[in-house]
Amino acid sequence: MTVYVKGVVFEGVEFEDPNCWHLDEYVKRGGYAALKKIINDKITQDEVIAEMKTSGLRGRGGAGFPTGLKWSFMPRSFPGQKYLVCNTDEGEPGTFKDLDIQVYNPHALIEGMIIGAYAMGITVGYNYIHGEIFEAYERFEIALEEARSAGFLGDNILGSDFCFQLHAHHGYGAYICGEETALLESLEGKKGQPRFKPPFPASFGLYGKPTTINNTETFASVPYIIREGGQKFLELGKPNNGGTKLFSVSGHVNRPGNYEIPLGTPFSELLEMCGGMRDGKKLKAVIPGGSSAPVLPADIMMQCTMDYDSIAKAGSMLGSGAVIVMDETVSMVSALERLSYFYHEESCGQCTPCREGTGWLYRVVHRIAHGEGKIEDLDLLSRVGDNIAGRTICALGDAAVFPVRGMLKHFRHEFEDLINKSQSAKAL
């Protein structure tokens, strides 16, 4: 069962209504009012970007980079074509918020992209949609046509000189294409592999032209900011953590689902919203920001608030907001084995440390999990991780290492106990 606490992105959405995603329903709840405000009041590009900076909105895809600052990097005086790209390639295990934006409120995303295009002087945009949610892709195409027919999208939007064409692009389910430059390569029809940076997409992006890339939730937050004001959005959260955030809660809770709550909400409150722990079990650990974020034990997590700074101070990352809850029955060795297998399988193979190192991590954890491990393997895991992290073109290598480091930091005793028991059993 999916449960929502409604906020900015899902403001006014009636999820039980099968037509809630259509244009008419979106307009009834204030949709496209922000775009009309910009066009009718002749709000300048600089004013839109300033409002975004005031809001404190940080990228909701995982990096948490300030959105207004990113938009200001776009060279608006560039004489040629510029591009706007939405990253809806939601492949991080535990994350399913962007899917529901596409399903229940696609026009918020469309309006946010139109406003972003206006602010940066862009006339063409693409929404790169994860390859395993084809029904959401089809729904987004219908929403695009609704927006075009109503004059919100296309040439001379709302009778102005502003023109913006937005297209959907269907990915093929590759995790690596969630990395922005690999996404651009795929969008260009090439193999999805990360590019060297610099140059950065802001100066050399899609087809070698200046490009701004933001996450689905980031764009879907924009209409509220323009309609209600950046200061109001900022005050919904806390300093340096403005607004609300969607958290995809999965695992051993009674009501898993997407919860939109103010940044800075205590984790204990979020857990209570989810109905608490399933079957009355005790909380053991939480991965707070998607599978690549280091795990935190229960005692540390219960002291955290759900925002970038608090989670970072605790030794992990808020990331995409995917909260994976694990109860007392979970074997951390088995959990790490599954995570390491995922990153080994999803490595694009371009960088040797990642291509070879993720395989080493998985094989070593696998043999520990299956009673073939040695105590020396724990130091081996650390050494292999050190040879991967920071040595690859993109962050997938680091993403494979962080779960290993987190597990060994907080649950090393479980690995040692399993190894010692296996060795004792063999000695008998």
Protein backbone atom coordinates (compact mmCIF):
# COMPACT_ATOMS: atom_id res chain seq x y z
CA MET A 1 0.00 0.00 0.00
CA THR A 2 1.36 3.42 -0.94
CA VAL A 3 0.71 6.23 1.54
CA TYR A 4 1.39 9.92 1.06
CA VAL A 5 1.74 12.94 3.27
CA LYS A 6 0.93 15.68 0.79
CA GLY A 7 3.15 18.71 0.44
CA VAL A 8 4.62 20.75 -2.39
CA VAL A 9 4.97 18.18 -5.17
CA PHE A 10 1.68 16.41 -4.46
CA GLU A 11 -0.23 19.46 -3.25
CA GLY A 12 -3.96 18.88 -3.75
CA VAL A 13 -3.55 15.54 -5.54
CA GLU A 14 -6.35 13.06 -4.87
CA PHE A 15 -4.61 9.76 -5.48
CA GLU A 16 -7.83 7.78 -5.41
CA ASP A 17 -9.09 9.74 -8.42
CA PRO A 18 -7.99 7.92 -11.62
CA ASN A 19 -8.07 11.24 -13.48
CA CYS A 20 -5.92 13.18 -11.01
CA TRP A 21 -2.99 13.27 -13.44
CA HIS A 22 -4.88 14.93 -16.30
CA LEU A 23 -4.54 18.61 -17.22
CA ASP A 24 -8.03 19.66 -16.10
CA GLU A 25 -7.47 18.34 -12.58
CA TYR A 26 -4.00 19.88 -12.40
CA VAL A 27 -5.37 23.30 -13.38
CA LYS A 28 -8.12 23.02 -10.73
CA ARG A 29 -5.49 22.71 -8.02
CA GLY A 30 -3.50 25.72 -9.24
CA GLY A 31 -1.56 24.13 -12.06
CA TYR A 32 0.14 26.41 -14.60
CA ALA A 33 -0.64 29.45 -12.42
CA ALA A 34 3.11 29.93 -11.93
CA LEU A 35 3.72 29.89 -15.68
CA LYS A 36 0.86 32.34 -16.25
CA LYS A 37 2.30 34.58 -13.53
CA ILE A 38 5.68 34.69 -15.29
CA ILE A 39 4.19 35.42 -18.72
CA ASN A 40 1.48 37.88 -17.66
CA ASP A 41 3.60 39.80 -15.16
CA LYS A 42 6.61 39.74 -17.49
CA ILE A 43 8.87 38.36 -14.76
CA THR A 44 12.46 38.39 -15.98
CA GLN A 45 14.84 35.45 -16.22
CA ASP A 46 17.02 36.94 -13.50
CA GLU A 47 14.01 37.29 -11.20
CA VAL A 48 13.05 33.62 -11.68
CA ILE A 49 16.58 32.46 -10.92
CA ALA A 50 16.77 34.75 -7.89
CA GLU A 51 13.53 33.24 -6.56
CA MET A 52 15.00 29.76 -7.01
CA LYS A 53 18.10 30.77 -5.07
CA THR A 54 15.96 32.22 -2.28
CA SER A 55 14.00 28.95 -2.03
CA GLY A 56 17.07 26.95 -1.04
CA LEU A 57 15.89 24.12 -3.29
CA ARG A 58 18.65 21.55 -3.61
CA GLY A 59 18.78 18.85 -6.28
CA ARG A 60 16.47 16.03 -5.28
CA GLY A 61 18.24 13.36 -7.33
CA GLY A 62 20.96 12.74 -4.78
CA ALA A 63 23.74 15.30 -5.12
CA GLY A 64 21.82 18.07 -3.36
CA PHE A 65 23.38 20.86 -5.44
CA PRO A 66 21.56 24.24 -5.16
CA THR A 67 19.13 24.45 -8.09
CA GLY A 68 19.14 28.22 -8.50
CA LEU A 69 22.93 28.24 -8.61
CA LYS A 70 22.96 25.50 -11.25
CA TRP A 71 20.49 27.45 -13.38
CA SER A 72 22.71 30.53 -13.16
CA PHE A 73 25.57 28.57 -14.76
CA MET A 74 23.71 28.33 -18.06
CA PRO A 75 25.30 30.80 -20.54
CA ARG A 76 22.10 32.55 -21.61
CA SER A 77 23.93 34.66 -24.19
CA PHE A 78 25.16 31.55 -26.01
CA PRO A 79 24.13 32.08 -29.66
CA GLY A 80 23.35 28.46 -30.54
CA GLN A 81 20.98 25.79 -29.28
CA LYS A 82 20.81 25.04 -25.56
CA TYR A 83 19.09 22.08 -23.88
CA LEU A 84 17.16 21.27 -20.73
CA VAL A 85 17.09 17.65 -19.54
CA CYS A 86 15.12 15.95 -16.80
CA ASN A 87 16.69 12.88 -15.23
CA THR A 88 13.83 10.45 -14.62
CA ASP A 89 16.11 7.45 -14.94
CA GLU A 90 15.25 6.31 -11.45
CA GLY A 91 17.41 3.23 -10.94
CA GLU A 92 18.70 3.58 -7.39
CA PRO A 93 17.45 0.58 -5.35
CA GLY A 94 14.88 1.75 -2.84
CA THR A 95 13.87 4.84 -4.83
CA PHE A 96 10.40 5.08 -6.38
CA LYS A 97 9.32 8.71 -5.89
CA ASP A 98 9.94 9.94 -9.44
CA LEU A 99 7.78 7.14 -10.81
CA ASP A 100 4.83 8.37 -8.76
CA ILE A 101 5.35 11.97 -9.88
CA GLN A 102 5.07 10.71 -13.45
CA VAL A 103 2.01 8.64 -12.62
CA TYR A 104 0.04 11.05 -10.42
CA ASN A 105 1.28 14.57 -11.21
CA PRO A 106 3.14 14.72 -14.55
CA HIS A 107 2.01 18.28 -15.30
CA ALA A 108 3.92 19.59 -12.27
CA LEU A 109 7.07 18.23 -13.89
CA ILE A 110 6.13 19.70 -17.26
CA GLU A 111 5.37 23.13 -15.79
CA GLY A 112 8.61 23.07 -13.81
CA MET A 113 10.61 22.30 -16.94
CA ILE A 114 8.86 25.06 -18.90
CA ILE A 115 9.72 27.56 -16.17
CA GLY A 116 13.31 26.34 -16.08
CA ALA A 117 13.56 26.68 -19.84
CA TYR A 118 12.20 30.24 -19.63
CA ALA A 119 14.70 31.18 -16.92
CA MET A 120 17.67 29.88 -18.90
CA GLY A 121 16.61 30.88 -22.39
CA ILE A 122 16.23 27.28 -23.60
CA THR A 123 13.89 26.20 -26.39
CA VAL A 124 14.27 22.40 -26.39
CA GLY A 125 14.04 19.89 -23.56
CA TYR A 126 13.98 16.14 -22.97
CA ASN A 127 12.67 13.96 -20.16
CA TYR A 128 14.80 10.80 -19.99
CA ILE A 129 12.52 8.17 -18.44
CA HIS A 130 13.68 4.91 -16.87
CA GLY A 131 13.25 1.99 -19.24
CA GLU A 132 11.33 -0.25 -16.86
CA ILE A 133 8.34 2.07 -16.30
CA PHE A 134 6.91 2.17 -19.80
CA GLU A 135 3.35 2.86 -18.64
CA ALA A 136 4.59 6.05 -16.96
CA TYR A 137 6.34 6.98 -20.20
CA GLU A 138 3.06 6.60 -22.11
CA ARG A 139 1.21 8.68 -19.51
CA PHE A 140 3.82 11.44 -19.77
CA GLU A 141 3.38 11.52 -23.55
CA ILE A 142 -0.36 12.06 -23.09
CA ALA A 143 0.30 14.84 -20.56
CA LEU A 144 2.66 16.51 -23.04
CA GLU A 145 -0.03 16.52 -25.70
CA GLU A 146 -2.55 17.97 -23.24
CA ALA A 147 -0.13 20.79 -22.41
CA ARG A 148 0.55 21.49 -26.10
CA SER A 149 -3.14 21.57 -26.96
CA ALA A 150 -3.83 24.04 -24.15
CA GLY A 151 -1.07 26.42 -25.25
CA PHE A 152 1.21 25.81 -22.27
CA LEU A 153 3.87 24.12 -24.39
CA GLY A 154 5.23 24.65 -27.90
CA ASP A 155 5.43 27.86 -29.93
CA ASN A 156 4.41 31.26 -28.53
CA ILE A 157 3.40 29.92 -25.12
CA LEU A 158 0.31 31.72 -23.77
CA GLY A 159 0.58 34.24 -26.61
CA SER A 160 4.12 35.31 -25.71
CA ASP A 161 7.36 35.18 -27.69
CA PHE A 162 8.57 32.30 -25.53
CA CYS A 163 8.80 28.93 -27.30
CA PHE A 164 9.73 25.60 -25.73
CA GLN A 165 9.50 22.09 -27.17
CA LEU A 166 9.58 19.20 -24.69
CA HIS A 167 10.03 15.55 -25.66
CA ALA A 168 10.03 12.24 -23.78
CA HIS A 169 12.87 9.78 -24.30
CA HIS A 170 12.65 6.14 -23.25
CA GLY A 171 15.72 4.62 -21.62
CA TYR A 172 16.46 0.91 -21.33
CA GLY A 173 16.82 0.30 -17.62
CA ALA A 174 20.59 0.75 -17.26
CA TYR A 175 21.51 2.01 -13.78
CA ILE A 176 24.55 3.82 -15.14
CA CYS A 177 22.32 6.11 -17.22
CA GLY A 178 21.24 7.80 -14.02
CA GLU A 179 24.68 9.43 -14.11
CA GLU A 180 24.07 12.66 -15.98
CA THR A 181 26.76 12.38 -18.65
CA ALA A 182 25.97 8.70 -19.33
CA LEU A 183 22.36 9.82 -19.69
CA LEU A 184 23.45 12.38 -22.30
CA GLU A 185 25.41 9.74 -24.21
CA SER A 186 22.35 7.49 -24.24
CA LEU A 187 20.12 10.37 -25.30
CA GLU A 188 22.44 10.91 -28.25
CA GLY A 189 21.98 7.28 -29.27
CA LYS A 190 25.32 6.03 -28.01
CA LYS A 191 26.34 3.51 -25.37
CA GLY A 192 25.46 4.88 -21.95
CA GLN A 193 28.88 5.52 -20.41
CA PRO A 194 29.98 8.49 -18.30
CA ARG A 195 32.07 11.25 -19.85
CA PHE A 196 35.21 12.79 -18.45
CA LYS A 197 34.58 16.08 -16.64
CA PRO A 198 35.52 18.84 -17.32
CA PRO A 199 33.99 19.94 -19.60
CA PHE A 200 30.77 19.97 -17.60
CA PRO A 201 27.30 19.76 -19.18
CA ALA A 202 26.65 23.46 -18.49
CA SER A 203 29.18 24.27 -21.22
CA PHE A 204 29.37 21.00 -23.19
CA GLY A 205 26.33 18.80 -22.74
CA LEU A 206 23.80 17.28 -25.11
CA TYR A 207 25.17 17.28 -28.66
CA GLY A 208 28.06 19.35 -27.36
CA LYS A 209 25.80 22.27 -26.44
CA PRO A 210 25.17 23.96 -23.05
CA THR A 211 22.80 21.75 -21.05
CA THR A 212 21.16 21.87 -17.63
CA ILE A 213 20.10 18.59 -16.03
CA ASN A 214 17.82 18.31 -13.00
CA ASN A 215 15.93 15.53 -11.27
CA THR A 216 12.19 14.94 -11.64
CA GLU A 217 11.31 15.98 -8.09
CA THR A 218 13.46 19.10 -8.45
CA PHE A 219 11.50 20.30 -11.48
CA ALA A 220 8.17 19.31 -9.91
CA SER A 221 8.93 21.61 -6.94
CA VAL A 222 9.46 24.67 -9.15
CA PRO A 223 5.79 25.69 -9.79
CA TYR A 224 5.11 25.99 -6.05
CA ILE A 225 8.22 28.15 -5.57
CA ILE A 226 7.24 30.59 -8.31
CA ARG A 227 3.57 30.65 -7.33
CA GLU A 228 4.02 31.00 -3.56
CA GLY A 229 7.49 32.52 -3.35
CA GLY A 230 10.94 31.15 -2.63
CA GLN A 231 10.89 32.37 0.97
CA LYS A 232 7.74 30.43 1.78
CA PHE A 233 9.26 27.27 0.30
CA LEU A 234 12.47 27.80 2.28
CA GLU A 235 10.55 28.19 5.52
CA LEU A 236 8.84 24.83 5.02
CA GLY A 237 12.20 23.22 5.77
CA LYS A 238 15.23 24.56 7.61
CA PRO A 239 18.30 26.67 6.70
CA ASN A 240 20.35 25.09 3.92
CA ASN A 241 17.57 22.51 3.58
CA GLY A 242 14.63 24.40 2.12
CA GLY A 243 11.21 22.94 1.43
CA THR A 244 9.71 19.49 1.57
CA LYS A 245 11.28 16.27 0.33
CA LEU A 246 9.82 13.02 -0.92
CA PHE A 247 11.09 9.98 0.96
CA SER A 248 10.59 6.51 -0.49
CA VAL A 249 10.31 4.28 2.56
CA SER A 250 10.67 0.54 2.04
CA GLY A 251 11.62 -2.49 4.08
CA HIS A 252 10.27 -3.65 7.40
CA VAL A 253 7.63 -0.99 8.07
CA ASN A 254 3.87 -1.40 8.21
CA ARG A 255 3.08 1.18 5.54
CA PRO A 256 5.86 1.49 2.96
CA GLY A 257 5.42 4.23 0.39
CA ASN A 258 6.28 7.80 -0.57
CA TYR A 259 6.07 10.42 2.16
CA GLU A 260 6.46 14.13 1.43
CA ILE A 261 7.61 15.85 4.60
CA PRO A 262 9.50 19.04 5.54
CA LEU A 263 13.26 18.67 5.51
CA GLY A 264 14.39 18.55 9.13
CA THR A 265 11.59 16.20 10.26
CA PRO A 266 12.94 13.72 12.85
CA PHE A 267 13.38 10.19 11.51
CA SER A 268 11.37 8.92 14.47
CA GLU A 269 8.36 10.87 13.17
CA LEU A 270 8.79 9.50 9.66
CA LEU A 271 8.94 5.98 11.07
CA GLU A 272 5.74 6.66 13.01
CA MET A 273 4.02 7.91 9.82
CA CYS A 274 4.93 4.58 8.24
CA GLY A 275 3.10 2.73 11.00
CA GLY A 276 6.22 1.72 12.86
CA MET A 277 8.14 -1.50 12.53
CA ARG A 278 6.42 -4.48 10.95
CA ASP A 279 5.34 -7.34 13.23
CA GLY A 280 6.57 -5.46 16.28
CA LYS A 281 10.22 -6.18 15.51
CA LYS A 282 13.04 -3.91 16.65
CA LEU A 283 14.76 -1.49 14.32
CA LYS A 284 18.29 -2.64 13.53
CA ALA A 285 19.58 -0.36 10.78
CA VAL A 286 18.58 2.11 8.08
CA ILE A 287 20.04 2.99 4.72
CA PRO A 288 18.84 6.62 4.58
CA GLY A 289 19.50 7.72 0.99
CA GLY A 290 19.34 4.84 -1.45
CA SER A 291 21.47 1.72 -1.66
CA SER A 292 24.70 3.64 -2.25
CA ALA A 293 24.43 5.50 1.08
CA PRO A 294 26.33 4.05 4.06
CA VAL A 295 24.12 2.18 6.51
CA LEU A 296 23.39 3.66 9.94
CA PRO A 297 22.56 1.59 13.04
CA ALA A 298 19.27 2.18 14.81
CA ASP A 299 20.65 4.18 17.75
CA ILE A 300 22.32 6.73 15.45
CA MET A 301 19.42 6.91 12.98
CA MET A 302 16.87 7.58 15.70
CA GLN A 303 18.80 10.74 16.62
CA CYS A 304 18.78 12.07 13.04
CA THR A 305 16.52 14.52 11.31
CA MET A 306 15.71 13.95 7.65
CA ASP A 307 17.86 16.58 5.96
CA TYR A 308 21.18 16.79 4.15
CA ASP A 309 23.23 18.14 7.05
CA SER A 310 21.98 15.84 9.81
CA ILE A 311 22.42 12.66 7.78
CA ALA A 312 25.88 13.77 6.61
CA LYS A 313 26.92 14.51 10.19
CA ALA A 314 25.83 11.00 11.15
CA GLY A 315 28.15 9.55 8.50
CA SER A 316 25.81 8.84 5.61
CA MET A 317 23.97 10.70 2.82
CA LEU A 318 20.41 11.84 2.25
CA GLY A 319 20.88 10.98 -1.42
CA SER A 320 17.68 10.38 -3.34
CA GLY A 321 15.64 10.05 -0.16
CA ALA A 322 15.24 6.28 -0.41
CA VAL A 323 14.91 5.05 3.18
CA ILE A 324 15.50 1.31 3.50
CA VAL A 325 14.45 0.09 6.95
CA MET A 326 15.85 -3.17 8.34
CA ASP A 327 14.67 -5.00 11.43
CA GLU A 328 16.53 -7.19 13.91
CA THR A 329 16.20 -10.32 11.77
CA VAL A 330 18.32 -8.98 8.89
CA SER A 331 21.76 -10.45 8.29
CA MET A 332 24.05 -7.56 7.37
CA VAL A 333 26.33 -9.99 5.58
CA SER A 334 23.49 -11.11 3.32
CA ALA A 335 22.37 -7.52 2.80
CA LEU A 336 25.86 -6.47 1.72
CA GLU A 337 26.14 -9.49 -0.56
CA ARG A 338 22.99 -8.40 -2.41
CA LEU A 339 24.12 -4.79 -2.66
CA SER A 340 27.58 -5.75 -3.90
CA TYR A 341 26.07 -8.02 -6.53
CA PHE A 342 23.95 -5.14 -7.80
CA TYR A 343 26.89 -2.77 -8.29
CA HIS A 344 29.00 -5.49 -9.86
CA GLU A 345 26.24 -6.20 -12.38
CA GLU A 346 25.51 -2.52 -13.11
CA SER A 347 29.09 -1.33 -13.64
CA CYS A 348 29.40 -0.14 -17.24
CA GLY A 349 32.94 -1.52 -17.39
CA GLN A 350 34.59 1.64 -18.64
CA CYS A 351 36.93 2.18 -15.66
CA THR A 352 39.22 -0.64 -14.57
CA PRO A 353 38.96 0.03 -10.80
CA CYS A 354 35.16 -0.21 -10.98
CA ARG A 355 34.95 -2.99 -13.56
CA GLU A 356 37.37 -5.26 -11.68
CA GLY A 357 36.92 -3.93 -8.16
CA THR A 358 33.15 -4.36 -7.94
CA GLY A 359 33.65 -7.99 -8.93
CA TRP A 360 36.22 -8.43 -6.18
CA LEU A 361 33.90 -6.87 -3.59
CA TYR A 362 31.03 -9.14 -4.56
CA ARG A 363 33.10 -12.33 -4.66
CA VAL A 364 34.72 -11.69 -1.29
CA VAL A 365 31.42 -10.86 0.42
CA HIS A 366 29.80 -13.87 -1.30
CA ARG A 367 32.36 -16.29 0.08
CA ILE A 368 31.98 -14.82 3.59
CA ALA A 369 28.20 -15.19 3.35
CA HIS A 370 28.54 -18.81 2.24
CA GLY A 371 30.93 -19.95 4.95
CA GLU A 372 34.17 -19.71 2.98
CA GLY A 373 35.48 -16.46 4.41
CA LYS A 374 38.62 -15.65 6.36
CA ILE A 375 39.23 -12.85 8.86
CA GLU A 376 41.79 -11.40 6.44
CA ASP A 377 38.95 -10.88 3.95
CA LEU A 378 37.65 -7.94 5.98
CA ASP A 379 40.90 -6.04 5.49
CA LEU A 380 40.90 -7.16 1.86
CA LEU A 381 37.47 -5.57 1.39
CA SER A 382 38.79 -2.30 2.82
CA ARG A 383 41.86 -2.36 0.54
CA VAL A 384 39.83 -3.11 -2.56
CA GLY A 385 37.43 -0.30 -1.64
CA ASP A 386 40.33 2.12 -1.26
CA ASN A 387 41.50 1.20 -4.75
CA ILE A 388 38.07 1.96 -6.24
CA ALA A 389 36.79 5.07 -4.46
CA GLY A 390 37.81 8.31 -6.11
CA ARG A 391 39.54 6.55 -9.00
CA THR A 392 36.71 6.33 -11.53
CA ILE A 393 35.10 8.69 -14.03
CA CYS A 394 31.72 8.63 -12.31
CA ALA A 395 30.46 7.89 -8.79
CA LEU A 396 29.35 4.28 -9.36
CA GLY A 397 32.66 3.06 -7.97
CA ASP A 398 32.14 5.09 -4.81
CA ALA A 399 28.54 3.88 -4.66
CA ALA A 400 29.79 0.30 -4.54
CA VAL A 401 32.29 1.08 -1.81
CA PHE A 402 30.09 3.10 0.58
CA PRO A 403 27.85 0.15 1.58
CA VAL A 404 30.95 -1.94 2.30
CA ARG A 405 32.52 0.75 4.44
CA GLY A 406 29.27 1.39 6.31
CA MET A 407 28.68 -2.28 7.07
CA LEU A 408 32.23 -2.87 8.27
CA LYS A 409 32.18 0.28 10.38
CA HIS A 410 28.98 -0.48 12.24
CA PHE A 411 28.46 -4.25 11.89
CA ARG A 412 31.96 -5.71 11.57
CA HIS A 413 31.19 -8.05 14.45
CA GLU A 414 28.54 -9.83 12.36
CA PHE A 415 31.07 -10.57 9.65
CA GLU A 416 33.64 -11.73 12.21
CA ASP A 417 31.10 -13.95 13.98
CA LEU A 418 30.03 -15.62 10.76
CA ILE A 419 33.63 -16.22 9.70
CA ASN A 420 34.59 -17.63 13.11
CA LYS A 421 31.55 -19.92 13.22
CA SER A 422 32.27 -21.20 9.71
CA GLN A 423 35.89 -21.90 10.53
CA SER A 424 34.95 -23.63 13.80
CA ALA A 425 32.43 -25.83 11.99
CA LYS A 426 35.10 -26.87 9.47
CA ALA A 427 37.52 -27.73 12.29
CA LEU A 428 35.10 -30.21 13.84
